[in-house]
Amino acid sequence: MKDIYIKFGNPALKGESQDKDHPDWIEVGSWRHEIIQPRSATASTSGGHTAERTEHGEMVFTKDLDVVSPLLYQHASGGTTFDEVTVDFLRADGEGNRVKYLEIKLKHVIISRVAPEVVSEGLPNESFSLKYAAVQWKYTQQKIGGNQGGNAQGAWSLTKNDKTYSV
């Protein structure tokens, strides 16, 4: 079991989630993201690669068409900037209870792309992409018995080009 929920804040977008911990969040079925360290135009004197400014690709989500779909289209068309977006990833523990194992927070977010489609005989769905100025990841380890272990946290500011969650 995997559950992924998204919450847009300021302006708020209300989805159809009935989950007790994520009411009115947007339920999504898939997520994709890419972070690239491009090869520098200047070579190292030792012959190795040198680091450039990192490139963060769009975060891409896929979901069924729902009540928030027209608002995604509207905000993508208007270039609305959302103060913060939160993405929660949950899975079942050893007892069948749901545990949040990954939380992603984004600052100064725009909806950069929305692509609704109907494939074959399936229900209508859509993918949408987000661009952001800063990101924070928090992973919580799940032990074999189901309870939580330690956690790890990271962040990156694309505006400051440093490891902070700020703009």
Protein backbone atom coordinates (compact mmCIF):
# COMPACT_ATOMS: atom_id res chain seq x y z
CA MET A 1 0.00 0.00 0.00
CA LYS A 2 1.27 3.44 -0.88
CA ASP A 3 -0.53 6.67 -0.30
CA ILE A 4 0.62 10.07 -1.50
CA TYR A 5 -1.15 13.28 -0.50
CA ILE A 6 -0.51 16.90 -1.51
CA LYS A 7 -1.61 20.09 0.22
CA PHE A 8 -1.34 23.51 -1.44
CA GLY A 9 -1.15 26.41 0.97
CA ASN A 10 -1.88 30.09 0.39
CA PRO A 11 -3.83 30.05 -1.77
CA ALA A 12 -5.30 26.77 -0.55
CA LEU A 13 -6.59 24.15 -2.97
CA LYS A 14 -8.99 21.60 -1.50
CA GLY A 15 -8.93 18.07 -2.84
CA GLU A 16 -11.30 15.16 -2.23
CA SER A 17 -9.28 13.12 0.26
CA GLN A 18 -11.40 11.64 3.04
CA ASP A 19 -8.33 10.33 4.89
CA LYS A 20 -8.60 11.22 8.59
CA ASP A 21 -5.04 12.60 8.65
CA HIS A 22 -5.26 14.33 5.26
CA PRO A 23 -8.82 15.69 4.88
CA ASP A 24 -9.28 17.81 1.74
CA TRP A 25 -5.73 17.04 0.55
CA ILE A 26 -5.18 15.92 -3.06
CA GLU A 27 -4.62 12.18 -3.53
CA VAL A 28 -2.05 11.25 -6.17
CA GLY A 29 -1.04 7.90 -7.60
CA SER A 30 2.51 8.57 -8.73
CA TRP A 31 5.43 10.95 -8.27
CA ARG A 32 8.59 11.62 -10.26
CA HIS A 33 11.44 14.06 -9.71
CA GLU A 34 14.96 14.57 -11.01
CA ILE A 35 17.94 16.44 -9.61
CA ILE A 36 20.86 16.88 -11.97
CA GLN A 37 24.43 17.95 -11.29
CA PRO A 38 25.48 19.15 -14.76
CA ARG A 39 28.99 18.71 -16.03
CA SER A 40 30.97 21.91 -15.76
CA ALA A 41 32.21 23.65 -18.90
CA THR A 42 35.62 23.86 -17.23
CA ALA A 43 37.51 20.67 -16.48
CA SER A 44 39.34 19.90 -13.27
CA THR A 45 43.13 19.90 -13.52
CA SER A 46 43.03 16.32 -12.22
CA GLY A 47 40.74 15.28 -15.09
CA GLY A 48 37.65 14.73 -12.92
CA HIS A 49 34.28 16.40 -13.06
CA THR A 50 33.62 19.71 -11.36
CA ALA A 51 30.32 20.78 -9.85
CA GLU A 52 28.00 23.33 -11.41
CA ARG A 53 24.86 24.90 -10.03
CA THR A 54 22.40 22.04 -9.53
CA GLU A 55 19.32 21.71 -11.71
CA HIS A 56 16.07 20.60 -10.12
CA GLY A 57 13.58 19.25 -12.60
CA GLU A 58 9.85 19.65 -12.12
CA MET A 59 8.11 17.43 -9.57
CA VAL A 60 5.57 15.49 -11.59
CA PHE A 61 2.46 13.89 -10.09
CA THR A 62 -0.32 11.80 -11.64
CA LYS A 63 -3.86 11.64 -10.27
CA ASP A 64 -7.46 11.00 -11.28
CA LEU A 65 -9.55 13.95 -12.44
CA ASP A 66 -11.39 15.37 -9.43
CA VAL A 67 -12.81 18.53 -7.89
CA VAL A 68 -9.42 20.27 -7.84
CA SER A 69 -8.73 19.70 -11.56
CA PRO A 70 -10.34 22.94 -12.84
CA LEU A 71 -8.40 24.89 -10.19
CA LEU A 72 -5.12 23.29 -11.27
CA TYR A 73 -5.86 24.43 -14.84
CA GLN A 74 -6.75 27.93 -13.67
CA HIS A 75 -3.68 28.39 -11.44
CA ALA A 76 -1.37 26.93 -14.09
CA SER A 77 -2.83 29.35 -16.65
CA GLY A 78 -2.45 32.33 -14.32
CA GLY A 79 1.01 31.49 -12.98
CA THR A 80 -0.15 31.60 -9.35
CA THR A 81 2.62 31.32 -6.76
CA PHE A 82 1.76 29.16 -3.74
CA ASP A 83 3.60 29.98 -0.51
CA GLU A 84 4.10 26.33 0.41
CA VAL A 85 3.16 22.86 -0.81
CA THR A 86 3.45 19.74 1.38
CA VAL A 87 3.65 16.19 0.03
CA ASP A 88 3.20 13.25 2.43
CA PHE A 89 4.14 9.66 1.55
CA LEU A 90 2.64 6.85 3.66
CA ARG A 91 2.89 3.07 3.67
CA ALA A 92 1.75 0.16 5.82
CA ASP A 93 3.82 -0.92 8.81
CA GLY A 94 4.12 -4.52 10.05
CA GLU A 95 0.69 -4.27 11.72
CA GLY A 96 -1.10 -2.83 8.70
CA ASN A 97 -1.15 0.70 10.15
CA ARG A 98 -0.15 3.62 7.96
CA VAL A 99 3.14 5.36 8.69
CA LYS A 100 4.44 8.56 7.12
CA TYR A 101 7.93 7.83 5.86
CA LEU A 102 8.64 10.82 3.62
CA GLU A 103 7.56 14.44 3.80
CA ILE A 104 8.51 16.97 1.15
CA LYS A 105 7.92 20.68 1.59
CA LEU A 106 8.24 23.18 -1.23
CA LYS A 107 8.37 26.99 -1.05
CA HIS A 108 7.29 29.54 -3.66
CA VAL A 109 5.66 26.97 -5.94
CA ILE A 110 4.02 27.31 -9.34
CA ILE A 111 2.03 24.74 -11.30
CA SER A 112 4.17 24.62 -14.43
CA ARG A 113 2.22 22.03 -16.42
CA VAL A 114 -1.10 20.18 -16.37
CA ALA A 115 -1.90 17.40 -18.85
CA PRO A 116 -5.32 15.71 -18.59
CA GLU A 117 -5.87 12.56 -20.65
CA VAL A 118 -8.03 9.53 -21.17
CA VAL A 119 -6.13 6.40 -22.11
CA SER A 120 -8.01 3.52 -23.74
CA GLU A 121 -10.92 2.49 -21.53
CA GLY A 122 -9.56 3.94 -18.31
CA LEU A 123 -10.91 6.81 -16.30
CA PRO A 124 -9.69 10.33 -17.04
CA ASN A 125 -6.51 11.23 -15.22
CA GLU A 126 -3.93 13.98 -15.37
CA SER A 127 -0.36 14.73 -14.61
CA PHE A 128 0.74 18.04 -13.19
CA SER A 129 4.16 19.49 -12.56
CA LEU A 130 5.47 21.81 -9.88
CA LYS A 131 8.45 24.18 -9.93
CA TYR A 132 9.73 25.65 -6.68
CA ALA A 133 12.32 27.95 -5.13
CA ALA A 134 13.25 25.76 -2.12
CA VAL A 135 12.71 22.15 -1.08
CA GLN A 136 13.01 20.19 2.17
CA TRP A 137 12.98 16.39 2.47
CA LYS A 138 12.40 14.51 5.72
CA TYR A 139 12.63 10.71 5.71
CA THR A 140 11.58 8.65 8.73
CA GLN A 141 12.98 5.13 8.93
CA GLN A 142 10.56 2.28 9.52
CA LYS A 143 11.90 -0.67 11.51
CA ILE A 144 11.03 -4.26 10.64
CA GLY A 145 8.63 -4.46 13.60
CA GLY A 146 6.73 -1.50 12.21
CA ASN A 147 7.75 1.24 14.62
CA GLN A 148 9.75 4.27 13.58
CA GLY A 149 13.52 4.43 13.64
CA GLY A 150 15.68 7.48 13.07
CA ASN A 151 15.19 10.13 10.46
CA ALA A 152 17.21 12.10 7.95
CA GLN A 153 16.54 15.57 6.67
CA GLY A 154 17.90 17.60 3.78
CA ALA A 155 17.06 20.85 2.04
CA TRP A 156 18.06 22.97 -0.93
CA SER A 157 17.36 26.57 -1.84
CA LEU A 158 17.45 27.17 -5.58
CA THR A 159 17.41 30.92 -5.03
CA LYS A 160 20.34 30.93 -2.60
CA ASN A 161 22.06 27.87 -4.06
CA ASP A 162 22.67 26.44 -0.59
CA LYS A 163 21.39 23.72 1.75
CA THR A 164 18.66 25.75 3.44
CA TYR A 165 14.89 25.71 3.17
CA SER A 166 14.62 29.42 2.50
CA VAL A 167 14.16 31.85 -0.37
